[in-house]
Structure formats: structure tokens, C-alpha cells
Amino acid sequence: MRKRGQKRLELQDGADSPLNHAISLRDRSVIDMVTDAVRHKHCMLAYQRVVKAQDPEQVVFFEGLIRVLDATERVIPAREFMSTVEDREIGRELDCIALEKGLRALERVPDLRLSVNMSARSIGYRRWSRILHRFLARDASIGERLLLEISQTSAMSVPELVMDFMIDLRRHGVAFALDDFGAGPISLPNLGEFFFDAAKIDGQFIRDVDTSPDKQTLVRTLIQIARQFDMMVIAEAVETRQEAEFLNTCGVDCLQGYLFEAPKLRPNWGHVAKQAESA
């Protein structure tokens, strides 16, 4: 026999529940905000250093992180909208903007090495491909300094497409990083077929890793998997020296996070050239 209130609970959990309605409204608001930003060209890249774990003064490369401005000109980080727009056309437009801005930075700064995020869904997007190949044809060195980051979930959703894409761009010297490593199911057979140069351990496993035995076990396991496939290991979202020290002792190659630098809309590239001269 159904208890009083059970019917009401089932209705609340249904498609027309207040919670689902609120989520739908929020998603539409996010999509409208991002669409307006793209239409008015209120998008930019913020740049964050990725440094050597054993020598954090040494910059290995920068990551270009997409940002949009809302109606109040507030800078909105990608984490606040990307999951909502990633499966939509506007997500492909954002990938195009991020790629073009990143390639222009590589064109302006000859010694810069830069990573740019992309979704596997953009591989077959014609405008995205045209932008990439236009810059590669204009300057062969750009491909050798470009690192494309593809999230683990995105790559595993269409592995054959990603594999063919990577083979094609290898001819131009483009490198690849598996982003959000560990955030979803890992297919070891697929990893063996991919051509990822680096794996970026998802930030959820990095926060407080120095005090969490469970996270320490997970991080060590992810490092072992990455090493099995000859991938450089990068830890993102590093915020404390204790986290950095633990990750260094585990053998992580590179670190990224607010401990070293917040993403900057107007970076100073001067030290990049200096490091290249001293290398």
C-alpha cells in the first residue's frame, strides 16, 4: 500500500518537477549567455603555466583556457558553462574561438608552446578544421608547438574518430594530451591505440592528495597506467606546496594550478623567450 506523500514525491521527481524545471531554466540561461558572448565576440583565452615538478621555475608550456564575458562584463570560467554547451552547436563555436586565439598566440610568440582544449565532437566540424589547417599551412612551426587537450570522456566516446584524427595531425608535429584523466571509465585497449603524449590527472584527485590515502592510491595507479603507455604525467589543480611535494615524490612530470599561477588574460611572454635562449 502506498504511503501518504509517496505519490507527491514521485511527481516531484518526474520530468515536470520543480527541480527539473529549475535546471532547465538554468541551462537555457547559460546557453543564452554563451551565445550572446560569441555573437558579440566577448570571448578570450586566459593563459596558465604548466611547470616542471622538480623545478617549478621552469615553464614547460601554457594552457589556453576559454573565458566568456556575461552581460555585466564579468569573466566566466569554462567550468561554469562548458558542460552545458559541450553537446551543442555553440560548443563547437567556442572550440573554434579557443583554437583560433591559441593559434594566433603561437603565431605572435615564436618560442611559445601552448595547449588548447577541444571536444572530439569538433573533429568533424568544418570551420574548426579550416582554422587549424590554415594556420598549419602558414607556419609549419605552429604544429610542433601546439598541444591539443581532449577530455577522457570525449575521447572514449568516439575512439576510432579520435585515433584517425591524431594520426593525421601527427604529420604536422601536433601533440596530444588526455585531459581529466581518471574522471571516467578507462579503456586500456583504447589507450594502447591512441597517440596521447601526456595524461592530465583530473583535479578532483589532486586536491588534498597529501592527506588522503584513498586519493594517493588513485593517483599512483593513474601514474602507473600513464607510464605503461609512455605518457608524460601532468597534475592539474595544484594549490598547496604539500600537494606539489607529494606529487613530485610520486614521479609526476609537470604541475599546473593556482600554487604557481592563476590564469592570466594578459600574460607576459618575455620569460618564454629567455628560457628558450638558455635551453
Protein backbone atom coordinates (compact mmCIF):
# COMPACT_ATOMS: atom_id res chain seq x y z
CA MET A 1 0.00 0.00 0.00
CA ARG A 2 1.33 3.40 -0.99
CA LYS A 3 2.11 5.68 1.88
CA ARG A 4 0.77 9.21 2.05
CA GLY A 5 3.17 11.59 0.34
CA GLN A 6 4.72 8.92 -1.88
CA LYS A 7 2.66 10.00 -4.89
CA ARG A 8 3.74 13.59 -4.37
CA LEU A 9 7.40 12.54 -4.20
CA GLU A 10 7.14 10.59 -7.44
CA LEU A 11 5.64 13.61 -9.16
CA GLN A 12 8.38 15.86 -7.81
CA ASP A 13 10.99 13.52 -9.27
CA GLY A 14 9.34 13.43 -12.68
CA ALA A 15 10.16 15.36 -15.83
CA ASP A 16 7.93 18.26 -14.77
CA SER A 17 9.24 18.52 -11.23
CA PRO A 18 10.25 21.95 -9.89
CA LEU A 19 13.86 20.76 -9.70
CA ASN A 20 13.98 19.71 -13.35
CA HIS A 21 12.25 22.93 -14.35
CA ALA A 22 14.85 24.96 -12.45
CA ILE A 23 17.69 23.01 -14.07
CA SER A 24 16.16 23.58 -17.50
CA LEU A 25 15.86 27.31 -16.87
CA ARG A 26 19.45 27.47 -15.65
CA ASP A 27 20.72 25.61 -18.71
CA ARG A 28 18.81 27.91 -21.05
CA SER A 29 20.23 30.91 -19.23
CA VAL A 30 23.77 29.57 -19.60
CA ILE A 31 23.26 28.82 -23.30
CA ASP A 32 21.84 32.31 -23.90
CA MET A 33 24.75 33.89 -22.05
CA VAL A 34 27.37 31.98 -24.04
CA THR A 35 25.53 32.60 -27.33
CA ASP A 36 25.47 36.34 -26.68
CA ALA A 37 29.17 36.30 -25.80
CA VAL A 38 30.03 34.53 -29.05
CA ARG A 39 27.79 36.83 -31.11
CA HIS A 40 29.39 39.95 -29.65
CA LYS A 41 32.92 38.47 -29.65
CA HIS A 42 33.16 38.68 -25.87
CA CYS A 43 35.40 35.62 -25.64
CA MET A 44 39.08 35.33 -24.79
CA LEU A 45 41.76 32.96 -23.62
CA ALA A 46 43.31 33.02 -20.18
CA TYR A 47 46.80 31.52 -20.03
CA GLN A 48 48.18 29.38 -17.20
CA ARG A 49 51.67 27.96 -16.78
CA VAL A 50 52.42 24.26 -16.66
CA VAL A 51 55.72 23.78 -14.86
CA LYS A 52 58.26 21.03 -14.20
CA ALA A 53 57.53 19.18 -10.96
CA GLN A 54 61.21 19.05 -9.99
CA ASP A 55 61.85 22.68 -10.97
CA PRO A 56 58.68 24.81 -10.84
CA GLU A 57 60.56 27.84 -12.14
CA GLN A 58 60.85 26.05 -15.47
CA VAL A 59 57.76 26.52 -17.67
CA VAL A 60 57.06 23.55 -19.94
CA PHE A 61 54.08 25.07 -21.76
CA PHE A 62 51.00 27.23 -21.22
CA GLU A 63 47.37 26.18 -21.37
CA GLY A 64 44.90 28.47 -23.10
CA LEU A 65 41.59 28.41 -21.19
CA ILE A 66 38.45 29.78 -22.82
CA ARG A 67 36.62 32.56 -20.98
CA VAL A 68 33.46 34.48 -21.86
CA LEU A 69 32.07 37.78 -20.60
CA ASP A 70 28.49 37.92 -19.38
CA ALA A 71 26.17 40.93 -19.76
CA THR A 72 27.83 42.64 -16.78
CA GLU A 73 31.30 42.05 -18.32
CA ARG A 74 32.14 39.53 -15.62
CA VAL A 75 34.70 36.95 -16.76
CA ILE A 76 33.15 33.47 -16.63
CA PRO A 77 35.50 30.43 -16.41
CA ALA A 78 34.79 27.49 -18.71
CA ARG A 79 33.87 25.17 -15.84
CA GLU A 80 30.72 27.22 -15.27
CA PHE A 81 29.31 26.69 -18.75
CA MET A 82 31.22 24.08 -20.77
CA SER A 83 29.30 21.03 -19.54
CA THR A 84 26.04 22.71 -20.56
CA VAL A 85 27.11 23.74 -24.07
CA GLU A 86 29.57 20.97 -25.00
CA ASP A 87 26.99 18.86 -26.86
CA ARG A 88 25.52 21.83 -28.74
CA GLU A 89 26.46 23.86 -31.78
CA ILE A 90 27.57 26.72 -29.57
CA GLY A 91 30.12 24.37 -28.02
CA ARG A 92 31.69 23.89 -31.44
CA GLU A 93 31.80 27.67 -31.91
CA LEU A 94 33.64 28.03 -28.60
CA ASP A 95 36.16 25.39 -29.69
CA CYS A 96 36.71 27.40 -32.89
CA ILE A 97 37.28 30.61 -30.95
CA ALA A 98 39.67 28.95 -28.48
CA LEU A 99 41.64 27.32 -31.30
CA GLU A 100 41.96 30.49 -33.38
CA LYS A 101 43.02 32.62 -30.43
CA GLY A 102 45.54 29.99 -29.36
CA LEU A 103 46.99 29.70 -32.86
CA ARG A 104 47.28 33.48 -33.12
CA ALA A 105 49.25 33.49 -29.85
CA LEU A 106 51.58 30.81 -31.25
CA GLU A 107 52.00 32.90 -34.38
CA ARG A 108 52.87 36.04 -32.38
CA VAL A 109 55.26 34.35 -29.94
CA PRO A 110 57.69 32.08 -31.82
CA ASP A 111 59.05 30.34 -28.69
CA LEU A 112 55.66 29.69 -27.09
CA ARG A 113 54.35 26.17 -26.52
CA LEU A 114 50.61 26.15 -25.92
CA SER A 115 47.82 23.68 -25.23
CA VAL A 116 44.23 24.29 -26.31
CA ASN A 117 41.19 22.32 -25.22
CA MET A 118 38.86 20.72 -27.74
CA SER A 119 36.00 18.26 -27.83
CA ALA A 120 36.15 15.17 -30.00
CA ARG A 121 32.88 16.48 -31.44
CA SER A 122 34.84 19.27 -33.15
CA ILE A 123 36.95 16.86 -35.20
CA GLY A 124 34.36 16.77 -37.96
CA TYR A 125 33.35 20.41 -37.58
CA ARG A 126 34.42 22.06 -40.85
CA ARG A 127 35.10 25.54 -39.52
CA TRP A 128 37.32 24.18 -36.73
CA SER A 129 39.32 22.08 -39.23
CA ARG A 130 39.69 25.01 -41.65
CA ILE A 131 41.08 27.23 -38.90
CA LEU A 132 43.61 24.62 -37.82
CA HIS A 133 44.88 23.75 -41.29
CA ARG A 134 45.05 27.40 -42.36
CA PHE A 135 47.50 28.21 -39.57
CA LEU A 136 49.47 24.97 -40.03
CA ALA A 137 49.94 25.78 -43.71
CA ARG A 138 51.03 29.32 -42.89
CA ASP A 139 53.69 28.38 -40.33
CA ALA A 140 54.99 24.82 -40.00
CA SER A 141 56.46 25.53 -36.56
CA ILE A 142 52.99 26.06 -35.08
CA GLY A 143 52.14 22.37 -35.25
CA GLU A 144 55.32 21.49 -33.38
CA ARG A 145 54.39 23.88 -30.56
CA LEU A 146 50.70 23.00 -30.33
CA LEU A 147 49.25 20.57 -27.80
CA LEU A 148 45.58 19.63 -28.18
CA GLU A 149 43.81 18.53 -24.99
CA ILE A 150 40.91 16.11 -25.38
CA SER A 151 38.97 15.03 -22.30
CA GLN A 152 38.97 11.34 -21.44
CA THR A 153 35.17 11.12 -21.68
CA SER A 154 35.16 12.82 -25.09
CA ALA A 155 37.96 10.66 -26.48
CA MET A 156 36.45 7.40 -25.26
CA SER A 157 33.06 8.26 -26.78
CA VAL A 158 34.38 8.09 -30.37
CA PRO A 159 37.78 6.36 -30.15
CA GLU A 160 38.12 5.43 -33.83
CA LEU A 161 37.46 9.01 -34.93
CA VAL A 162 39.99 10.37 -32.43
CA MET A 163 42.62 7.83 -33.47
CA ASP A 164 42.35 8.75 -37.18
CA PHE A 165 42.43 12.45 -36.28
CA MET A 166 45.60 12.02 -34.24
CA ILE A 167 47.33 10.06 -37.00
CA ASP A 168 46.57 12.85 -39.47
CA LEU A 169 47.86 15.65 -37.26
CA ARG A 170 50.97 13.78 -36.19
CA ARG A 171 52.32 14.61 -39.66
CA HIS A 172 52.29 18.28 -38.62
CA GLY A 173 54.03 17.65 -35.31
CA VAL A 174 50.92 18.28 -33.19
CA ALA A 175 50.99 16.65 -29.73
CA PHE A 176 48.02 15.44 -27.69
CA ALA A 177 47.08 15.33 -24.01
CA LEU A 178 44.38 13.19 -22.41
CA ASP A 179 42.58 15.69 -20.19
CA ASP A 180 40.61 14.86 -17.00
CA PHE A 181 42.45 11.55 -16.75
CA GLY A 182 40.72 9.24 -14.29
CA ALA A 183 37.40 11.13 -14.31
CA GLY A 184 35.58 8.31 -16.11
CA PRO A 185 35.94 4.67 -17.16
CA ILE A 186 39.33 3.91 -18.70
CA SER A 187 39.56 1.50 -21.64
CA LEU A 188 43.10 0.10 -21.58
CA PRO A 189 42.80 -1.39 -25.10
CA ASN A 190 41.80 2.01 -26.46
CA LEU A 191 44.62 3.75 -24.62
CA GLY A 192 47.02 1.43 -26.38
CA GLU A 193 45.64 2.51 -29.76
CA PHE A 194 45.66 6.24 -29.06
CA PHE A 195 48.69 8.51 -29.56
CA PHE A 196 48.49 10.63 -26.43
CA ASP A 197 51.78 12.23 -25.39
CA ALA A 198 50.55 13.27 -21.95
CA ALA A 199 47.87 12.50 -19.39
CA LYS A 200 46.49 15.25 -17.14
CA ILE A 201 45.23 13.77 -13.87
CA ASP A 202 41.82 15.21 -13.04
CA GLY A 203 41.88 17.88 -10.34
CA GLN A 204 39.38 16.08 -8.10
CA PHE A 205 42.12 13.57 -7.25
CA ILE A 206 44.75 16.25 -6.63
CA ARG A 207 43.01 18.41 -4.02
CA ASP A 208 44.26 17.37 -0.54
CA VAL A 209 46.09 14.40 -2.04
CA ASP A 210 48.85 14.82 0.54
CA THR A 211 46.42 13.96 3.38
CA SER A 212 44.09 11.47 1.65
CA PRO A 213 45.30 7.84 1.46
CA ASP A 214 42.49 6.99 -0.98
CA LYS A 215 43.49 9.77 -3.39
CA GLN A 216 47.14 8.81 -3.03
CA THR A 217 46.32 5.26 -4.13
CA LEU A 218 44.28 6.52 -7.09
CA VAL A 219 46.99 8.96 -8.19
CA ARG A 220 49.71 6.31 -8.02
CA THR A 221 47.51 3.95 -10.06
CA LEU A 222 46.84 6.60 -12.72
CA ILE A 223 50.57 7.35 -12.93
CA GLN A 224 51.31 3.66 -13.47
CA ILE A 225 48.70 3.42 -16.23
CA ALA A 226 50.06 6.52 -17.97
CA ARG A 227 53.63 5.19 -17.77
CA GLN A 228 52.51 1.90 -19.29
CA PHE A 229 51.54 3.85 -22.40
CA ASP A 230 54.61 6.15 -22.38
CA MET A 231 52.64 9.26 -21.47
CA MET A 232 54.06 12.23 -19.63
CA VAL A 233 52.06 12.80 -16.43
CA ILE A 234 50.65 16.22 -15.52
CA ALA A 235 48.75 17.04 -12.33
CA GLU A 236 46.27 19.92 -12.57
CA ALA A 237 44.57 21.98 -9.83
CA VAL A 238 47.63 22.00 -7.58
CA GLU A 239 47.04 24.58 -4.85
CA THR A 240 49.39 23.80 -1.95
CA ARG A 241 53.10 23.09 -1.56
CA GLN A 242 52.23 19.88 0.29
CA GLU A 243 50.28 18.62 -2.73
CA ALA A 244 53.14 19.58 -5.05
CA GLU A 245 55.74 17.83 -2.89
CA PHE A 246 53.72 14.62 -2.72
CA LEU A 247 53.12 14.61 -6.48
CA ASN A 248 56.81 15.19 -7.14
CA THR A 249 57.77 12.21 -4.96
CA CYS A 250 55.26 10.07 -6.91
CA GLY A 251 57.03 10.87 -10.15
CA VAL A 252 54.60 13.32 -11.75
CA ASP A 253 56.41 15.21 -14.53
CA CYS A 254 54.54 18.53 -14.58
CA LEU A 255 52.29 20.55 -12.30
CA GLN A 256 49.61 23.14 -13.01
CA GLY A 257 47.48 25.17 -10.65
CA TYR A 258 46.99 28.29 -8.59
CA LEU A 259 50.05 27.46 -6.48
CA PHE A 260 52.19 28.54 -9.41
CA GLU A 261 49.97 30.99 -11.26
CA ALA A 262 46.35 31.97 -11.78
CA PRO A 263 45.21 32.04 -15.43
CA LYS A 264 46.04 35.44 -16.93
CA LEU A 265 44.22 37.26 -19.70
CA ARG A 266 47.32 39.35 -20.41
CA PRO A 267 50.36 37.15 -19.81
CA ASN A 268 53.94 38.31 -20.00
CA TRP A 269 55.61 36.15 -22.62
CA GLY A 270 59.03 37.68 -22.05
CA HIS A 271 60.38 34.87 -19.90
CA VAL A 272 59.34 32.30 -22.52
CA ALA A 273 61.89 33.70 -24.97
CA LYS A 274 64.55 33.90 -22.24
CA GLN A 275 64.06 30.24 -21.32
CA ALA A 276 64.26 29.23 -24.96
CA GLU A 277 67.56 31.06 -25.31
CA SER A 278 69.04 29.36 -22.25
CA ALA A 279 67.79 25.87 -23.21
